[in-house]
All heavy atoms as atom14 arrays in JSON, in Angstrom:
{
  "sequence": "MMYGMPDPALFPADELVKATARALQNQAAVTDALQYG",
  "atom14_mask": [
    [1, 1, 1, 1, 1, 1, 1, 1, 0, 0, 0, 0, 0, 0],
    [1, 1, 1, 1, 1, 1, 1, 1, 0, 0, 0, 0, 0, 0],
    [1, 1, 1, 1, 1, 1, 1, 1, 1, 1, 1, 1, 0, 0],
    [1, 1, 1, 1, 0, 0, 0, 0, 0, 0, 0, 0, 0, 0],
    [1, 1, 1, 1, 1, 1, 1, 1, 0, 0, 0, 0, 0, 0],
    [1, 1, 1, 1, 1, 1, 1, 0, 0, 0, 0, 0, 0, 0],
    [1, 1, 1, 1, 1, 1, 1, 1, 0, 0, 0, 0, 0, 0],
    [1, 1, 1, 1, 1, 1, 1, 0, 0, 0, 0, 0, 0, 0],
    [1, 1, 1, 1, 1, 0, 0, 0, 0, 0, 0, 0, 0, 0],
    [1, 1, 1, 1, 1, 1, 1, 1, 0, 0, 0, 0, 0, 0],
    [1, 1, 1, 1, 1, 1, 1, 1, 1, 1, 1, 0, 0, 0],
    [1, 1, 1, 1, 1, 1, 1, 0, 0, 0, 0, 0, 0, 0],
    [1, 1, 1, 1, 1, 0, 0, 0, 0, 0, 0, 0, 0, 0],
    [1, 1, 1, 1, 1, 1, 1, 1, 0, 0, 0, 0, 0, 0],
    [1, 1, 1, 1, 1, 1, 1, 1, 1, 0, 0, 0, 0, 0],
    [1, 1, 1, 1, 1, 1, 1, 1, 0, 0, 0, 0, 0, 0],
    [1, 1, 1, 1, 1, 1, 1, 0, 0, 0, 0, 0, 0, 0],
    [1, 1, 1, 1, 1, 1, 1, 1, 1, 0, 0, 0, 0, 0],
    [1, 1, 1, 1, 1, 0, 0, 0, 0, 0, 0, 0, 0, 0],
    [1, 1, 1, 1, 1, 1, 1, 0, 0, 0, 0, 0, 0, 0],
    [1, 1, 1, 1, 1, 0, 0, 0, 0, 0, 0, 0, 0, 0],
    [1, 1, 1, 1, 1, 1, 1, 1, 1, 1, 1, 0, 0, 0],
    [1, 1, 1, 1, 1, 0, 0, 0, 0, 0, 0, 0, 0, 0],
    [1, 1, 1, 1, 1, 1, 1, 1, 0, 0, 0, 0, 0, 0],
    [1, 1, 1, 1, 1, 1, 1, 1, 1, 0, 0, 0, 0, 0],
    [1, 1, 1, 1, 1, 1, 1, 1, 0, 0, 0, 0, 0, 0],
    [1, 1, 1, 1, 1, 1, 1, 1, 1, 0, 0, 0, 0, 0],
    [1, 1, 1, 1, 1, 0, 0, 0, 0, 0, 0, 0, 0, 0],
    [1, 1, 1, 1, 1, 0, 0, 0, 0, 0, 0, 0, 0, 0],
    [1, 1, 1, 1, 1, 1, 1, 0, 0, 0, 0, 0, 0, 0],
    [1, 1, 1, 1, 1, 1, 1, 0, 0, 0, 0, 0, 0, 0],
    [1, 1, 1, 1, 1, 1, 1, 1, 0, 0, 0, 0, 0, 0],
    [1, 1, 1, 1, 1, 0, 0, 0, 0, 0, 0, 0, 0, 0],
    [1, 1, 1, 1, 1, 1, 1, 1, 0, 0, 0, 0, 0, 0],
    [1, 1, 1, 1, 1, 1, 1, 1, 1, 0, 0, 0, 0, 0],
    [1, 1, 1, 1, 1, 1, 1, 1, 1, 1, 1, 1, 0, 0],
    [1, 1, 1, 1, 0, 0, 0, 0, 0, 0, 0, 0, 0, 0]
  ],
  "atom14_positions": [
    [[0.84, -1.2, 0.01], [0.0, 0.0, 0.0], [0.88, 1.25, -0.01], [0.48, 2.31, 0.47], [-0.92, 0.0, 1.24], [-1.9, -1.14, 1.24], [-3.03, -1.12, 2.69], [-1.89, -1.7, 3.96], [0.0, 0.0, 0.0], [0.0, 0.0, 0.0], [0.0, 0.0, 0.0], [0.0, 0.0, 0.0], [0.0, 0.0, 0.0], [0.0, 0.0, 0.0]],
    [[2.09, 1.12, -0.56], [3.06, 2.2, -0.5], [2.81, 3.3, -1.52], [2.78, 4.48, -1.19], [4.48, 1.66, -0.7], [5.03, 0.87, 0.46], [6.76, 0.42, 0.22], [7.55, 2.04, 0.3], [0.0, 0.0, 0.0], [0.0, 0.0, 0.0], [0.0, 0.0, 0.0], [0.0, 0.0, 0.0], [0.0, 0.0, 0.0], [0.0, 0.0, 0.0]],
    [[2.66, 2.92, -2.77], [2.81, 3.9, -3.85], [1.48, 4.36, -4.39], [0.56, 3.57, -4.63], [3.66, 3.32, -4.97], [5.03, 2.89, -4.48], [5.42, 1.57, -4.45], [5.93, 3.86, -4.03], [6.67, 1.2, -3.99], [7.18, 3.51, -3.56], [7.54, 2.17, -3.55], [8.79, 1.82, -3.08], [0.0, 0.0, 0.0], [0.0, 0.0, 0.0]],
    [[1.38, 5.68, -4.61], [0.18, 6.26, -5.18], [0.21, 6.23, -6.7], [0.12, 7.27, -7.36], [0.0, 0.0, 0.0], [0.0, 0.0, 0.0], [0.0, 0.0, 0.0], [0.0, 0.0, 0.0], [0.0, 0.0, 0.0], [0.0, 0.0, 0.0], [0.0, 0.0, 0.0], [0.0, 0.0, 0.0], [0.0, 0.0, 0.0], [0.0, 0.0, 0.0]],
    [[0.35, 5.04, -7.26], [0.4, 4.88, -8.72], [-0.98, 4.48, -9.24], [-1.72, 3.75, -8.55], [1.43, 3.82, -9.11], [2.86, 4.18, -8.73], [4.06, 3.0, -9.38], [3.64, 1.52, -8.51], [0.0, 0.0, 0.0], [0.0, 0.0, 0.0], [0.0, 0.0, 0.0], [0.0, 0.0, 0.0], [0.0, 0.0, 0.0], [0.0, 0.0, 0.0]],
    [[-1.32, 4.91, -10.44], [-2.58, 4.42, -11.03], [-2.54, 2.92, -11.23], [-1.48, 2.31, -11.39], [-2.62, 5.17, -12.37], [-1.72, 6.34, -12.22], [-0.62, 5.89, -11.28], [0.0, 0.0, 0.0], [0.0, 0.0, 0.0], [0.0, 0.0, 0.0], [0.0, 0.0, 0.0], [0.0, 0.0, 0.0], [0.0, 0.0, 0.0], [0.0, 0.0, 0.0]],
    [[-3.7, 2.32, -11.21], [-3.81, 0.89, -11.43], [-3.57, 0.56, -12.89], [-4.32, 1.02, -13.77], [-5.23, 0.43, -11.0], [-5.36, -1.09, -10.98], [-4.53, -1.78, -11.6], [-6.32, -1.58, -10.36], [0.0, 0.0, 0.0], [0.0, 0.0, 0.0], [0.0, 0.0, 0.0], [0.0, 0.0, 0.0], [0.0, 0.0, 0.0], [0.0, 0.0, 0.0]],
    [[-2.54, -0.26, -13.19], [-2.29, -0.6, -14.61], [-3.46, -1.28, -15.3], [-3.62, -1.18, -16.51], [-1.08, -1.55, -14.53], [-0.43, -1.25, -13.24], [-1.52, -0.84, -12.3], [0.0, 0.0, 0.0], [0.0, 0.0, 0.0], [0.0, 0.0, 0.0], [0.0, 0.0, 0.0], [0.0, 0.0, 0.0], [0.0, 0.0, 0.0], [0.0, 0.0, 0.0]],
    [[-4.3, -1.96, -14.5], [-5.46, -2.6, -15.1], [-6.46, -1.62, -15.68], [-7.33, -1.98, -16.47], [-6.17, -3.49, -14.04], [0.0, 0.0, 0.0], [0.0, 0.0, 0.0], [0.0, 0.0, 0.0], [0.0, 0.0, 0.0], [0.0, 0.0, 0.0], [0.0, 0.0, 0.0], [0.0, 0.0, 0.0], [0.0, 0.0, 0.0], [0.0, 0.0, 0.0]],
    [[-6.31, -0.33, -15.3], [-7.23, 0.68, -15.77], [-6.66, 1.54, -16.88], [-7.32, 2.46, -17.34], [-7.65, 1.57, -14.58], [-8.4, 0.85, -13.46], [-8.57, 1.78, -12.25], [-9.74, 0.35, -13.94], [0.0, 0.0, 0.0], [0.0, 0.0, 0.0], [0.0, 0.0, 0.0], [0.0, 0.0, 0.0], [0.0, 0.0, 0.0], [0.0, 0.0, 0.0]],
    [[-5.43, 1.25, -17.3], [-4.87, 2.0, -18.41], [-5.68, 1.72, -19.7], [-5.94, 0.56, -20.01], [-3.41, 1.62, -18.68], [-2.45, 2.03, -17.61], [-1.24, 1.39, -17.45], [-2.74, 3.07, -16.73], [-0.35, 1.77, -16.46], [-1.88, 3.45, -15.75], [-0.66, 2.81, -15.58], [0.0, 0.0, 0.0], [0.0, 0.0, 0.0], [0.0, 0.0, 0.0]],
    [[-6.04, 2.72, -20.46], [-6.82, 2.49, -21.69], [-5.9, 2.14, -22.86], [-5.83, 2.86, -23.87], [-7.51, 3.85, -21.89], [-6.52, 4.84, -21.36], [-5.84, 4.18, -20.19], [0.0, 0.0, 0.0], [0.0, 0.0, 0.0], [0.0, 0.0, 0.0], [0.0, 0.0, 0.0], [0.0, 0.0, 0.0], [0.0, 0.0, 0.0], [0.0, 0.0, 0.0]],
    [[-5.21, 1.03, -22.74], [-4.16, 0.68, -23.7], [-4.71, 0.53, -25.12], [-4.14, 1.08, -26.08], [-3.47, -0.61, -23.26], [0.0, 0.0, 0.0], [0.0, 0.0, 0.0], [0.0, 0.0, 0.0], [0.0, 0.0, 0.0], [0.0, 0.0, 0.0], [0.0, 0.0, 0.0], [0.0, 0.0, 0.0], [0.0, 0.0, 0.0], [0.0, 0.0, 0.0]],
    [[-5.8, -0.21, -25.28], [-6.34, -0.44, -26.62], [-6.75, 0.87, -27.28], [-6.49, 1.12, -28.46], [-7.53, -1.39, -26.56], [-7.14, -2.79, -26.11], [-5.93, -3.12, -26.18], [-8.02, -3.54, -25.68], [0.0, 0.0, 0.0], [0.0, 0.0, 0.0], [0.0, 0.0, 0.0], [0.0, 0.0, 0.0], [0.0, 0.0, 0.0], [0.0, 0.0, 0.0]],
    [[-7.39, 1.72, -26.5], [-7.85, 3.0, -27.04], [-6.68, 3.93, -27.39], [-6.74, 4.67, -28.36], [-8.78, 3.68, -26.03], [-10.1, 2.95, -25.81], [-10.0, 1.86, -24.74], [-8.86, 1.57, -24.31], [-11.03, 1.31, -24.36], [0.0, 0.0, 0.0], [0.0, 0.0, 0.0], [0.0, 0.0, 0.0], [0.0, 0.0, 0.0], [0.0, 0.0, 0.0]],
    [[-5.61, 3.85, -26.59], [-4.43, 4.65, -26.89], [-3.72, 4.18, -28.15], [-3.16, 5.01, -28.89], [-3.46, 4.64, -25.71], [-3.82, 5.57, -24.54], [-2.9, 5.33, -23.36], [-3.72, 7.04, -24.99], [0.0, 0.0, 0.0], [0.0, 0.0, 0.0], [0.0, 0.0, 0.0], [0.0, 0.0, 0.0], [0.0, 0.0, 0.0], [0.0, 0.0, 0.0]],
    [[-3.74, 2.88, -28.4], [-3.17, 2.38, -29.65], [-3.91, 2.97, -30.85], [-3.31, 3.44, -31.83], [-3.24, 0.84, -29.68], [-2.94, 0.32, -31.1], [-2.28, 0.25, -28.69], [0.0, 0.0, 0.0], [0.0, 0.0, 0.0], [0.0, 0.0, 0.0], [0.0, 0.0, 0.0], [0.0, 0.0, 0.0], [0.0, 0.0, 0.0], [0.0, 0.0, 0.0]],
    [[-5.24, 3.01, -30.76], [-6.04, 3.57, -31.87], [-5.8, 5.07, -31.98], [-5.71, 5.61, -33.1], [-7.51, 3.29, -31.61], [-7.87, 1.8, -31.61], [-9.32, 1.57, -31.18], [-9.64, 0.09, -31.1], [-11.01, -0.15, -30.58], [0.0, 0.0, 0.0], [0.0, 0.0, 0.0], [0.0, 0.0, 0.0], [0.0, 0.0, 0.0], [0.0, 0.0, 0.0]],
    [[-5.7, 5.76, -30.84], [-5.47, 7.21, -30.88], [-4.1, 7.51, -31.49], [-3.95, 8.47, -32.26], [-5.54, 7.79, -29.47], [0.0, 0.0, 0.0], [0.0, 0.0, 0.0], [0.0, 0.0, 0.0], [0.0, 0.0, 0.0], [0.0, 0.0, 0.0], [0.0, 0.0, 0.0], [0.0, 0.0, 0.0], [0.0, 0.0, 0.0], [0.0, 0.0, 0.0]],
    [[-3.11, 6.68, -31.18], [-1.78, 6.88, -31.74], [-1.8, 6.69, -33.26], [-1.18, 7.45, -34.01], [-0.78, 5.9, -31.1], [-0.75, 6.11, -29.7], [0.61, 6.08, -31.68], [0.0, 0.0, 0.0], [0.0, 0.0, 0.0], [0.0, 0.0, 0.0], [0.0, 0.0, 0.0], [0.0, 0.0, 0.0], [0.0, 0.0, 0.0], [0.0, 0.0, 0.0]],
    [[-2.53, 5.69, -33.71], [-2.65, 5.48, -35.17], [-3.31, 6.68, -35.83], [-2.88, 7.13, -36.91], [-3.43, 4.2, -35.44], [0.0, 0.0, 0.0], [0.0, 0.0, 0.0], [0.0, 0.0, 0.0], [0.0, 0.0, 0.0], [0.0, 0.0, 0.0], [0.0, 0.0, 0.0], [0.0, 0.0, 0.0], [0.0, 0.0, 0.0], [0.0, 0.0, 0.0]],
    [[-4.34, 7.24, -35.2], [-5.01, 8.4, -35.77], [-4.08, 9.61, -35.81], [-4.16, 10.45, -36.72], [-6.28, 8.75, -34.99], [-7.39, 7.73, -35.12], [-8.73, 8.28, -34.66], [-8.69, 8.74, -33.27], [-8.96, 7.94, -32.23], [-9.26, 6.65, -32.43], [-8.94, 8.43, -31.01], [0.0, 0.0, 0.0], [0.0, 0.0, 0.0], [0.0, 0.0, 0.0]],
    [[-3.18, 9.7, -34.81], [-2.26, 10.84, -34.76], [-1.23, 10.79, -35.89], [-0.54, 11.77, -36.14], [-1.54, 10.86, -33.43], [0.0, 0.0, 0.0], [0.0, 0.0, 0.0], [0.0, 0.0, 0.0], [0.0, 0.0, 0.0], [0.0, 0.0, 0.0], [0.0, 0.0, 0.0], [0.0, 0.0, 0.0], [0.0, 0.0, 0.0], [0.0, 0.0, 0.0]],
    [[-1.14, 9.65, -36.57], [-0.15, 9.48, -37.65], [-0.82, 9.2, -38.99], [-0.24, 8.58, -39.86], [0.8, 8.32, -37.3], [1.58, 8.47, -36.0], [2.41, 7.19, -35.71], [2.51, 9.68, -36.04], [0.0, 0.0, 0.0], [0.0, 0.0, 0.0], [0.0, 0.0, 0.0], [0.0, 0.0, 0.0], [0.0, 0.0, 0.0], [0.0, 0.0, 0.0]],
    [[-2.02, 9.72, -39.18], [-2.78, 9.36, -40.36], [-2.35, 10.1, -41.63], [-2.52, 9.59, -42.72], [-4.29, 9.62, -40.11], [-4.96, 8.48, -39.34], [-6.45, 8.75, -39.15], [-6.9, 9.88, -39.27], [-7.2, 7.71, -38.87], [0.0, 0.0, 0.0], [0.0, 0.0, 0.0], [0.0, 0.0, 0.0], [0.0, 0.0, 0.0], [0.0, 0.0, 0.0]],
    [[-1.84, 11.32, -41.47], [-1.44, 12.08, -42.65], [-0.13, 12.79, -42.37], [0.34, 12.84, -41.27], [-2.55, 13.06, -43.07], [-2.91, 13.98, -41.92], [-2.07, 14.77, -41.48], [-4.14, 13.91, -41.46], [0.0, 0.0, 0.0], [0.0, 0.0, 0.0], [0.0, 0.0, 0.0], [0.0, 0.0, 0.0], [0.0, 0.0, 0.0], [0.0, 0.0, 0.0]],
    [[0.46, 13.38, -43.44], [1.78, 13.95, -43.31], [1.83, 15.12, -42.33], [2.77, 15.26, -41.56], [2.28, 14.43, -44.68], [3.73, 14.87, -44.69], [4.68, 13.77, -44.18], [4.6, 12.64, -44.63], [5.56, 14.12, -43.25], [0.0, 0.0, 0.0], [0.0, 0.0, 0.0], [0.0, 0.0, 0.0], [0.0, 0.0, 0.0], [0.0, 0.0, 0.0]],
    [[0.77, 15.94, -42.31], [0.74, 17.05, -41.39], [0.72, 16.56, -39.95], [1.42, 17.08, -39.07], [-0.47, 17.94, -41.66], [0.0, 0.0, 0.0], [0.0, 0.0, 0.0], [0.0, 0.0, 0.0], [0.0, 0.0, 0.0], [0.0, 0.0, 0.0], [0.0, 0.0, 0.0], [0.0, 0.0, 0.0], [0.0, 0.0, 0.0], [0.0, 0.0, 0.0]],
    [[-0.09, 15.51, -39.71], [-0.16, 14.95, -38.36], [1.15, 14.31, -37.96], [1.61, 14.44, -36.83], [-1.3, 13.92, -38.29], [0.0, 0.0, 0.0], [0.0, 0.0, 0.0], [0.0, 0.0, 0.0], [0.0, 0.0, 0.0], [0.0, 0.0, 0.0], [0.0, 0.0, 0.0], [0.0, 0.0, 0.0], [0.0, 0.0, 0.0], [0.0, 0.0, 0.0]],
    [[1.79, 13.62, -38.91], [3.09, 13.01, -38.64], [4.12, 14.06, -38.25], [4.89, 13.9, -37.3], [3.57, 12.19, -39.85], [5.04, 11.8, -39.7], [2.71, 10.95, -40.05], [0.0, 0.0, 0.0], [0.0, 0.0, 0.0], [0.0, 0.0, 0.0], [0.0, 0.0, 0.0], [0.0, 0.0, 0.0], [0.0, 0.0, 0.0], [0.0, 0.0, 0.0]],
    [[4.12, 15.16, -38.98], [5.07, 16.24, -38.67], [4.83, 16.8, -37.27], [5.76, 17.0, -36.5], [4.96, 17.37, -39.7], [5.25, 16.82, -41.0], [5.92, 18.5, -39.39], [0.0, 0.0, 0.0], [0.0, 0.0, 0.0], [0.0, 0.0, 0.0], [0.0, 0.0, 0.0], [0.0, 0.0, 0.0], [0.0, 0.0, 0.0], [0.0, 0.0, 0.0]],
    [[3.57, 17.05, -36.94], [3.23, 17.58, -35.61], [3.66, 16.61, -34.51], [4.11, 17.03, -33.45], [1.73, 17.85, -35.49], [1.31, 19.07, -36.29], [2.18, 19.89, -36.63], [0.1, 19.2, -36.58], [0.0, 0.0, 0.0], [0.0, 0.0, 0.0], [0.0, 0.0, 0.0], [0.0, 0.0, 0.0], [0.0, 0.0, 0.0], [0.0, 0.0, 0.0]],
    [[3.49, 15.32, -34.75], [3.75, 14.33, -33.71], [5.22, 13.96, -33.58], [5.7, 13.69, -32.47], [2.91, 13.06, -33.96], [0.0, 0.0, 0.0], [0.0, 0.0, 0.0], [0.0, 0.0, 0.0], [0.0, 0.0, 0.0], [0.0, 0.0, 0.0], [0.0, 0.0, 0.0], [0.0, 0.0, 0.0], [0.0, 0.0, 0.0], [0.0, 0.0, 0.0]],
    [[5.95, 13.95, -34.7], [7.3, 13.38, -34.68], [8.41, 14.42, -34.8], [9.58, 14.09, -34.58], [7.44, 12.36, -35.8], [6.48, 11.16, -35.76], [6.81, 10.18, -36.86], [6.53, 10.47, -34.4], [0.0, 0.0, 0.0], [0.0, 0.0, 0.0], [0.0, 0.0, 0.0], [0.0, 0.0, 0.0], [0.0, 0.0, 0.0], [0.0, 0.0, 0.0]],
    [[8.07, 15.65, -35.11], [9.08, 16.72, -35.18], [9.28, 17.31, -33.79], [8.5, 17.07, -32.87], [8.63, 17.79, -36.17], [9.63, 18.89, -36.48], [10.95, 18.36, -36.98], [11.8, 18.0, -36.16], [11.12, 18.31, -38.31], [0.0, 0.0, 0.0], [0.0, 0.0, 0.0], [0.0, 0.0, 0.0], [0.0, 0.0, 0.0], [0.0, 0.0, 0.0]],
    [[10.39, 18.07, -33.63], [10.55, 18.82, -32.37], [9.31, 19.67, -32.15], [8.79, 20.31, -33.05], [11.77, 19.73, -32.43], [13.09, 18.99, -32.4], [13.92, 18.95, -33.52], [13.5, 18.35, -31.25], [15.13, 18.28, -33.49], [14.72, 17.68, -31.19], [15.53, 17.64, -32.33], [16.73, 16.99, -32.27], [0.0, 0.0, 0.0], [0.0, 0.0, 0.0]],
    [[8.83, 19.69, -30.9], [7.6, 20.4, -30.59], [7.84, 21.82, -30.09], [8.98, 22.25, -29.86], [0.0, 0.0, 0.0], [0.0, 0.0, 0.0], [0.0, 0.0, 0.0], [0.0, 0.0, 0.0], [0.0, 0.0, 0.0], [0.0, 0.0, 0.0], [0.0, 0.0, 0.0], [0.0, 0.0, 0.0], [0.0, 0.0, 0.0], [0.0, 0.0, 0.0]]
  ]
}
């Protein structure tokens, strides 16, 4: 009961995979995501 970490079982992993794919759908999005911010 030591650490105040979020429960890994509640991470929205599947949804984040889909969101990541959407973030890389076109060249403009790729530039925004992968270039220096």
